[in-house]
């Protein structure tokens, strides 16, 4: 969808903002451009909608050289979200959101209908917020309006320049989560500029790590964290990149242990015997169709002549399959748990322990380093390679 071909931007004073840049962004992909201030990431983004003109090279959007497109018409085809939002203070939220469709000649009713749809999509009820003005909104709400406005004309490309940088950390995390859900629905091609590696890792399908005017590494978040291409990248992503990688490594069935399981209606003697046979002091409790119910210890059953149902404890520490290792680790810490259950819907799949979490992380890193599938990597193979 977006292709840079040997693009350079050099200013009259001799400063080179971007030097011989070549990379591609696939349709529907969210690419984060991350790096320190002055590295060229914002210049890169602004050249896509011709707010800045390149000195040399070509930029193509959907196969068309943007140099051949009228800049005003080009910008109306590309959504643009900035940190300061830039809402018109004298226009209502609904009018702000309908700005680009109106400029494109849409009929007023159609433009307002589209604006209301987008406000609802970003979590702002148009019947509540549509007639309000920007100064009546919180910073996070204004940012949502900015995203809705950028999407109003259904542009194929969305440019976002540190859009969540002006809000507090709690609101920022919530906006990031909401935007990921929104992107899963609308699947726009997005260039997202940030200086925060945590944000880049969380949001990006791929990350472009900038040095001075050039890309040092362009790859998936997992690869950038697990196998930095240069010492510069390793230094930029930080010594705690292993911890950061937890947030982009999903739990897979092969990561799980299978503890003893008992059923709600099992007699306590049967349940206790099963746990002793498997050498375990505890078991996961399931209902009749295999759904997770809770857990129980062998000590709690001693001397009791009833069923498991009367003694099972509620399961608080659980995550769905496909959750990240970071989510699993957070749940362990939150509930002070030595393991957490992993489910598919309500169906119990197994448990993740700290040791298995560590193994999953090591396999993920090794798989990326050797271009292998994670399921084919074992701890034994990692140790032999080491």
Protein backbone atom coordinates (compact mmCIF):
# COMPACT_ATOMS: atom_id res chain seq x y z
CA UNK A 1 0.00 0.00 0.00
CA UNK A 2 2.86 2.43 0.85
CA UNK A 3 6.30 2.11 -0.72
CA UNK A 4 9.38 4.28 -0.22
CA UNK A 5 11.99 4.01 -2.95
CA UNK A 6 15.38 5.56 -2.13
CA UNK A 7 13.78 8.60 -0.53
CA UNK A 8 16.02 11.39 0.76
CA UNK A 9 15.09 14.70 2.37
CA UNK A 10 17.88 17.25 2.52
CA UNK A 11 17.35 20.86 3.62
CA UNK A 12 19.12 23.92 2.14
CA UNK A 13 21.44 24.20 5.15
CA UNK A 14 22.78 20.73 4.37
CA UNK A 15 20.85 18.88 7.07
CA UNK A 16 19.77 15.43 5.94
CA UNK A 17 16.56 14.46 7.72
CA UNK A 18 16.03 11.17 5.84
CA UNK A 19 18.73 9.40 3.86
CA UNK A 20 18.03 6.91 1.04
CA UNK A 21 14.99 5.37 2.73
CA UNK A 22 13.41 2.25 1.19
CA UNK A 23 10.69 0.15 2.80
CA UNK A 24 7.14 -1.09 2.20
CA UNK A 25 3.97 -1.15 4.28
CA UNK A 26 1.47 -3.84 3.32
CA UNK A 27 -2.23 -3.13 3.01
CA UNK A 28 -3.95 -3.26 6.41
CA UNK A 29 -0.65 -3.24 8.28
CA UNK A 30 0.10 -0.99 11.26
CA UNK A 31 3.74 0.07 11.23
CA UNK A 32 5.21 2.05 14.09
CA UNK A 33 8.10 4.43 13.38
CA UNK A 34 10.10 4.73 16.59
CA UNK A 35 13.27 6.56 17.49
CA UNK A 36 14.67 9.56 19.37
CA UNK A 37 13.74 13.15 18.56
CA UNK A 38 15.23 14.43 15.31
CA UNK A 39 15.80 10.98 13.78
CA UNK A 40 13.52 11.53 10.77
CA UNK A 41 10.43 9.53 11.67
CA UNK A 42 7.99 12.47 11.54
CA UNK A 43 9.60 13.71 8.33
CA UNK A 44 9.03 10.27 6.85
CA UNK A 45 5.36 10.34 7.75
CA UNK A 46 4.77 13.91 6.53
CA UNK A 47 6.24 13.09 3.15
CA UNK A 48 3.41 10.58 2.61
CA UNK A 49 0.78 13.33 2.51
CA UNK A 50 3.21 15.87 1.00
CA UNK A 51 3.33 18.19 3.97
CA UNK A 52 7.06 17.79 3.32
CA UNK A 53 8.40 17.15 -0.19
CA UNK A 54 11.29 14.69 -0.63
CA UNK A 55 14.52 15.87 -2.22
CA UNK A 56 14.86 12.66 -4.21
CA UNK A 57 13.31 9.23 -4.54
CA UNK A 58 9.69 8.16 -4.90
CA UNK A 59 6.79 7.45 -2.58
CA UNK A 60 3.95 5.34 -3.90
CA UNK A 61 0.52 4.88 -2.31
CA UNK A 62 -1.52 2.01 -3.72
CA UNK A 63 0.90 1.85 -6.65
CA UNK A 64 0.56 5.55 -7.58
CA UNK A 65 3.44 8.04 -7.33
CA UNK A 66 2.13 10.71 -4.97
CA UNK A 67 4.19 13.37 -6.78
CA UNK A 68 1.62 13.14 -9.59
CA UNK A 69 -1.34 13.78 -7.27
CA UNK A 70 -2.61 17.22 -6.29
CA UNK A 71 -1.52 17.67 -2.65
CA UNK A 72 -4.93 18.87 -1.46
CA UNK A 73 -6.72 15.94 -3.08
CA UNK A 74 -4.08 13.56 -1.73
CA UNK A 75 -4.57 14.77 1.85
CA UNK A 76 -8.32 14.28 1.64
CA UNK A 77 -7.61 10.63 0.79
CA UNK A 78 -5.33 10.13 3.81
CA UNK A 79 -6.42 10.28 7.43
CA UNK A 80 -4.16 12.34 9.70
CA UNK A 81 -4.11 12.35 13.51
CA UNK A 82 -1.71 14.51 15.51
CA UNK A 83 -0.86 14.82 19.20
CA UNK A 84 -2.61 18.19 19.59
CA UNK A 85 -5.72 16.78 17.81
CA UNK A 86 -6.42 20.10 16.04
CA UNK A 87 -10.21 20.17 16.41
CA UNK A 88 -12.03 23.32 15.33
CA UNK A 89 -13.10 25.00 18.61
CA UNK A 90 -16.13 26.73 17.02
CA UNK A 91 -17.57 23.48 15.61
CA UNK A 92 -19.44 20.75 17.44
CA UNK A 93 -18.01 17.26 17.80
CA UNK A 94 -20.32 16.01 15.04
CA UNK A 95 -19.33 18.87 12.72
CA UNK A 96 -15.64 18.31 13.42
CA UNK A 97 -15.97 14.63 12.58
CA UNK A 98 -17.83 15.40 9.33
CA UNK A 99 -15.19 17.90 8.13
CA UNK A 100 -13.50 15.83 5.42
CA UNK A 101 -16.68 14.30 3.97
CA UNK A 102 -18.07 17.83 3.70
CA UNK A 103 -14.95 19.00 1.89
CA UNK A 104 -15.33 16.07 -0.50
CA UNK A 105 -18.81 17.25 -1.41
CA UNK A 106 -20.87 14.74 0.53
CA UNK A 107 -24.45 15.80 1.22
CA UNK A 108 -24.85 17.21 4.72
CA UNK A 109 -27.13 14.41 5.92
CA UNK A 110 -24.82 11.67 4.65
CA UNK A 111 -21.75 13.37 6.16
CA UNK A 112 -23.42 13.71 9.58
CA UNK A 113 -24.66 10.13 9.44
CA UNK A 114 -21.12 8.91 8.74
CA UNK A 115 -19.77 11.12 11.54
CA UNK A 116 -22.29 9.65 13.99
CA UNK A 117 -21.28 6.10 12.98
CA UNK A 118 -17.61 6.87 13.59
CA UNK A 119 -18.23 8.55 16.95
CA UNK A 120 -20.12 5.47 18.06
CA UNK A 121 -17.27 3.28 16.78
CA UNK A 122 -14.70 5.13 18.92
CA UNK A 123 -16.90 4.90 22.01
CA UNK A 124 -18.55 8.33 22.01
CA UNK A 125 -22.35 8.19 21.88
CA UNK A 126 -23.28 10.78 19.22
CA UNK A 127 -26.55 11.55 21.03
CA UNK A 128 -24.51 12.52 24.10
CA UNK A 129 -21.34 14.03 22.61
CA UNK A 130 -22.35 15.09 19.08
CA UNK A 131 -23.53 18.58 20.03
CA UNK A 132 -20.73 19.29 22.48
CA UNK A 133 -17.73 21.45 21.66
CA UNK A 134 -14.04 20.47 22.04
CA UNK A 135 -13.56 22.48 25.23
CA UNK A 136 -16.32 20.40 26.85
CA UNK A 137 -14.37 17.17 26.35
CA UNK A 138 -11.50 15.54 28.22
CA UNK A 139 -8.15 15.11 26.50
CA UNK A 140 -8.85 11.44 25.83
CA UNK A 141 -12.28 12.23 24.38
CA UNK A 142 -10.80 14.88 22.07
CA UNK A 143 -8.27 12.34 20.88
CA UNK A 144 -11.04 9.89 20.04
CA UNK A 145 -12.80 12.59 18.03
CA UNK A 146 -9.55 13.18 16.17
CA UNK A 147 -9.36 9.50 15.24
CA UNK A 148 -13.03 9.47 14.19
CA UNK A 149 -12.49 12.55 12.01
CA UNK A 150 -9.47 10.95 10.33
CA UNK A 151 -11.57 7.88 9.48
CA UNK A 152 -14.73 9.72 8.40
CA UNK A 153 -14.10 9.62 4.64
CA UNK A 154 -12.95 5.97 4.87
CA UNK A 155 -9.35 6.64 3.79
CA UNK A 156 -7.18 3.64 2.93
CA UNK A 157 -4.17 5.17 4.71
CA UNK A 158 -3.97 6.64 8.21
CA UNK A 159 -1.04 8.72 9.48
CA UNK A 160 -0.71 9.16 13.24
CA UNK A 161 1.91 11.47 14.73
CA UNK A 162 2.31 10.64 18.45
CA UNK A 163 -1.48 10.79 18.82
CA UNK A 164 -1.59 9.63 22.44
CA UNK A 165 1.42 11.55 23.71
CA UNK A 166 -0.53 14.44 25.27
CA UNK A 167 -2.67 12.41 27.69
CA UNK A 168 -1.85 10.88 31.05
CA UNK A 169 -0.47 7.30 31.20
CA UNK A 170 -3.73 5.67 32.31
CA UNK A 171 -5.76 7.31 29.53
CA UNK A 172 -2.98 6.60 27.07
CA UNK A 173 -3.03 2.87 27.78
CA UNK A 174 -6.82 2.82 27.43
CA UNK A 175 -6.65 4.71 24.11
CA UNK A 176 -4.04 2.27 22.82
CA UNK A 177 -6.32 -0.67 23.69
CA UNK A 178 -9.30 0.99 22.04
CA UNK A 179 -7.31 1.80 18.93
CA UNK A 180 -6.13 -1.81 18.59
CA UNK A 181 -9.77 -2.96 18.76
CA UNK A 182 -10.72 -0.31 16.21
CA UNK A 183 -7.90 -1.31 13.88
CA UNK A 184 -9.02 -4.93 14.08
CA UNK A 185 -12.37 -3.73 12.73
CA UNK A 186 -11.37 -1.17 10.08
CA UNK A 187 -7.96 -2.62 9.02
CA UNK A 188 -6.42 0.60 7.73
CA UNK A 189 -2.84 0.89 6.52
CA UNK A 190 -1.27 2.92 9.33
CA UNK A 191 2.01 4.74 9.86
CA UNK A 192 2.24 5.51 13.56
CA UNK A 193 5.02 7.77 14.85
CA UNK A 194 6.13 7.40 18.47
CA UNK A 195 9.26 7.87 20.56
CA UNK A 196 8.09 5.22 23.05
CA UNK A 197 9.36 1.70 22.37
CA UNK A 198 6.69 0.23 24.68
CA UNK A 199 3.96 1.84 22.57
CA UNK A 200 5.67 0.76 19.34
CA UNK A 201 5.86 -2.83 20.51
CA UNK A 202 2.29 -2.92 21.74
CA UNK A 203 0.68 -1.44 18.63
CA UNK A 204 2.85 -2.33 15.65
CA UNK A 205 2.53 -5.26 13.29
CA UNK A 206 6.04 -4.18 12.33
CA UNK A 207 8.45 -1.65 13.79
CA UNK A 208 10.86 0.66 11.98
CA UNK A 209 13.61 1.59 14.45
CA UNK A 210 15.25 4.83 13.34
CA UNK A 211 18.81 5.92 13.84
CA UNK A 212 19.87 9.27 12.36
CA UNK A 213 17.83 9.62 9.20
CA UNK A 214 17.79 5.91 8.41
CA UNK A 215 16.07 2.73 9.52
CA UNK A 216 18.33 0.50 11.60
CA UNK A 217 15.86 -2.41 11.72
CA UNK A 218 12.46 -3.08 10.17
CA UNK A 219 10.78 -6.20 11.49
CA UNK A 220 8.11 -7.61 13.79
CA UNK A 221 8.13 -6.45 17.42
CA UNK A 222 9.11 -9.95 18.56
CA UNK A 223 12.12 -10.04 16.26
CA UNK A 224 13.27 -6.52 17.11
CA UNK A 225 13.15 -7.41 20.82
CA UNK A 226 14.52 -10.92 20.48
CA UNK A 227 17.16 -10.38 17.81
CA UNK A 228 18.22 -6.71 17.55
CA UNK A 229 19.97 -6.17 14.20
CA UNK A 230 22.61 -3.75 15.50
CA UNK A 231 24.11 -2.63 18.81
CA UNK A 232 22.21 0.64 18.33
CA UNK A 233 18.87 -1.20 18.20
CA UNK A 234 19.79 -3.34 21.21
CA UNK A 235 20.63 -0.20 23.17
CA UNK A 236 17.49 1.60 22.04
CA UNK A 237 15.05 -1.16 22.95
CA UNK A 238 16.77 -1.50 26.30
CA UNK A 239 18.39 -4.13 28.48
CA UNK A 240 14.91 -5.20 29.60
CA UNK A 241 13.89 -6.19 26.07
CA UNK A 242 13.26 -9.72 27.34
CA UNK A 243 10.55 -8.34 29.60
CA UNK A 244 9.15 -6.23 26.76
CA UNK A 245 9.00 -9.32 24.60
CA UNK A 246 6.58 -10.90 27.06
CA UNK A 247 3.97 -8.47 25.73
CA UNK A 248 4.29 -9.76 22.13
CA UNK A 249 4.64 -13.50 22.80
CA UNK A 250 1.35 -15.35 22.89
CA UNK A 251 0.59 -18.42 24.96
CA UNK A 252 0.40 -21.59 22.86
CA UNK A 253 -1.01 -25.00 23.83
CA UNK A 254 2.51 -26.51 23.83
CA UNK A 255 3.45 -24.13 26.68
CA UNK A 256 0.97 -25.70 29.10
CA UNK A 257 1.28 -28.36 31.76
CA UNK A 258 -1.51 -30.86 32.40
CA UNK A 259 -2.19 -31.16 36.14
CA UNK A 260 -4.63 -33.65 37.67
CA UNK A 261 -8.27 -32.76 37.03
CA UNK A 262 -11.32 -33.77 39.00
CA UNK A 263 -15.03 -33.27 38.43
CA UNK A 264 -17.46 -31.39 40.63
CA UNK A 265 -19.47 -34.48 41.42
CA UNK A 266 -16.51 -36.76 42.11
CA UNK A 267 -16.51 -38.24 45.64
CA UNK A 268 -13.73 -36.70 47.72
CA UNK A 269 -12.10 -40.12 48.17
CA UNK A 270 -11.84 -40.56 44.39
CA UNK A 271 -10.42 -37.06 43.94
CA UNK A 272 -7.86 -37.48 46.73
CA UNK A 273 -6.74 -40.84 45.35
CA UNK A 274 -6.26 -39.35 41.89
CA UNK A 275 -4.09 -36.53 43.22
CA UNK A 276 -1.98 -38.91 45.32
CA UNK A 277 -1.52 -41.21 42.33
CA UNK A 278 -0.18 -38.34 40.24
CA UNK A 279 1.97 -37.02 43.07
CA UNK A 280 0.18 -33.68 43.26
CA UNK A 281 -1.21 -31.80 46.26
CA UNK A 282 -3.77 -29.98 44.15
CA UNK A 283 -6.04 -30.46 41.16
CA UNK A 284 -8.10 -28.36 38.77
CA UNK A 285 -11.85 -28.75 39.19
CA UNK A 286 -14.00 -29.02 36.05
CA UNK A 287 -17.73 -29.24 35.59
CA UNK A 288 -19.44 -31.94 33.58
CA UNK A 289 -18.61 -30.50 30.14
CA UNK A 290 -14.95 -29.75 30.86
CA UNK A 291 -15.39 -26.09 31.72
CA UNK A 292 -13.12 -24.55 34.33
CA UNK A 293 -14.73 -24.31 37.76
CA UNK A 294 -11.93 -23.90 40.29
CA UNK A 295 -9.26 -25.82 42.17
CA UNK A 296 -8.86 -27.97 45.24
CA UNK A 297 -6.06 -29.28 47.50
CA UNK A 298 -5.72 -32.82 48.76
CA UNK A 299 -5.49 -31.51 52.35
CA UNK A 300 -8.91 -29.90 52.06
CA UNK A 301 -10.43 -33.30 51.26
CA UNK A 302 -8.99 -35.30 54.16
CA UNK A 303 -11.65 -36.69 56.44
CA UNK A 304 -14.47 -35.28 54.36
CA UNK A 305 -17.14 -37.66 53.05
CA UNK A 306 -18.84 -35.51 50.43
CA UNK A 307 -18.20 -34.48 46.82
CA UNK A 308 -15.63 -32.13 45.36
CA UNK A 309 -18.37 -29.56 44.74
CA UNK A 310 -18.55 -28.73 48.44
CA UNK A 311 -14.86 -27.91 48.78
CA UNK A 312 -13.71 -26.46 45.44
CA UNK A 313 -12.20 -22.99 45.54
CA UNK A 314 -12.98 -20.33 42.99
CA UNK A 315 -10.42 -19.90 40.20
CA UNK A 316 -9.30 -16.26 39.99
CA UNK A 317 -6.01 -16.63 38.12
CA UNK A 318 -6.80 -17.51 34.49
CA UNK A 319 -6.22 -16.14 30.99
CA UNK A 320 -7.54 -17.13 27.55
CA UNK A 321 -5.38 -19.03 25.07
CA UNK A 322 -3.66 -16.49 22.82
CA UNK A 323 -3.14 -14.04 25.67
CA UNK A 324 0.42 -12.78 25.99
CA UNK A 325 3.01 -14.02 28.42
CA UNK A 326 2.92 -10.54 29.96
CA UNK A 327 -0.79 -10.90 30.69
CA UNK A 328 -0.14 -14.30 32.23
CA UNK A 329 2.73 -13.00 34.36
CA UNK A 330 0.62 -10.04 35.51
CA UNK A 331 -2.17 -12.42 36.56
CA UNK A 332 0.32 -14.51 38.55
CA UNK A 333 1.51 -11.41 40.39
CA UNK A 334 -1.99 -10.01 40.90
CA UNK A 335 -3.28 -13.19 42.54
CA UNK A 336 0.05 -14.26 44.09
CA UNK A 337 -0.37 -17.52 42.18
CA UNK A 338 2.19 -20.21 41.46
CA UNK A 339 0.35 -21.06 38.24
CA UNK A 340 -2.57 -19.83 36.18
CA UNK A 341 -5.24 -21.68 34.24
CA UNK A 342 -5.52 -21.23 30.48
CA UNK A 343 -8.91 -21.59 28.83
CA UNK A 344 -10.49 -21.57 25.39
CA UNK A 345 -13.81 -19.92 26.10
CA UNK A 346 -14.85 -21.85 29.22
CA UNK A 347 -12.99 -25.02 28.23
CA UNK A 348 -9.92 -25.78 30.33
CA UNK A 349 -6.71 -26.36 28.33
CA UNK A 350 -3.97 -26.58 30.96
CA UNK A 351 -1.93 -24.44 33.32
CA UNK A 352 1.02 -22.12 32.81
CA UNK A 353 3.71 -22.13 35.49
CA UNK A 354 6.60 -19.66 35.90
CA UNK A 355 9.02 -22.31 34.58
CA UNK A 356 6.88 -22.95 31.50
CA UNK A 357 6.48 -19.20 30.93
CA UNK A 358 10.26 -18.84 30.89
CA UNK A 359 10.60 -21.77 28.50
CA UNK A 360 8.00 -20.26 26.16
CA UNK A 361 9.92 -16.99 26.06
CA UNK A 362 13.22 -18.76 25.33
CA UNK A 363 11.65 -20.84 22.54
CA UNK A 364 10.11 -17.74 20.99
CA UNK A 365 13.43 -15.90 20.93
CA UNK A 366 15.30 -18.90 19.55
CA UNK A 367 12.67 -19.52 16.87
CA UNK A 368 13.01 -15.96 15.55
CA UNK A 369 16.79 -16.10 15.68
CA UNK A 370 16.88 -19.25 13.52
CA UNK A 371 13.84 -18.65 11.33
CA UNK A 372 12.09 -21.68 12.82
CA UNK A 373 8.57 -22.36 13.99
CA UNK A 374 8.25 -21.95 17.74
CA UNK A 375 6.52 -25.34 18.05
CA UNK A 376 9.65 -27.00 16.62
CA UNK A 377 11.97 -25.48 19.21
CA UNK A 378 12.60 -27.34 22.45
CA UNK A 379 14.57 -26.28 25.48
CA UNK A 380 16.98 -29.13 24.75
CA UNK A 381 17.68 -27.75 21.27
CA UNK A 382 18.25 -24.28 22.70
CA UNK A 383 20.73 -25.64 25.21
CA UNK A 384 22.57 -27.65 22.54
CA UNK A 385 22.78 -24.54 20.32
CA UNK A 386 24.11 -22.54 23.23
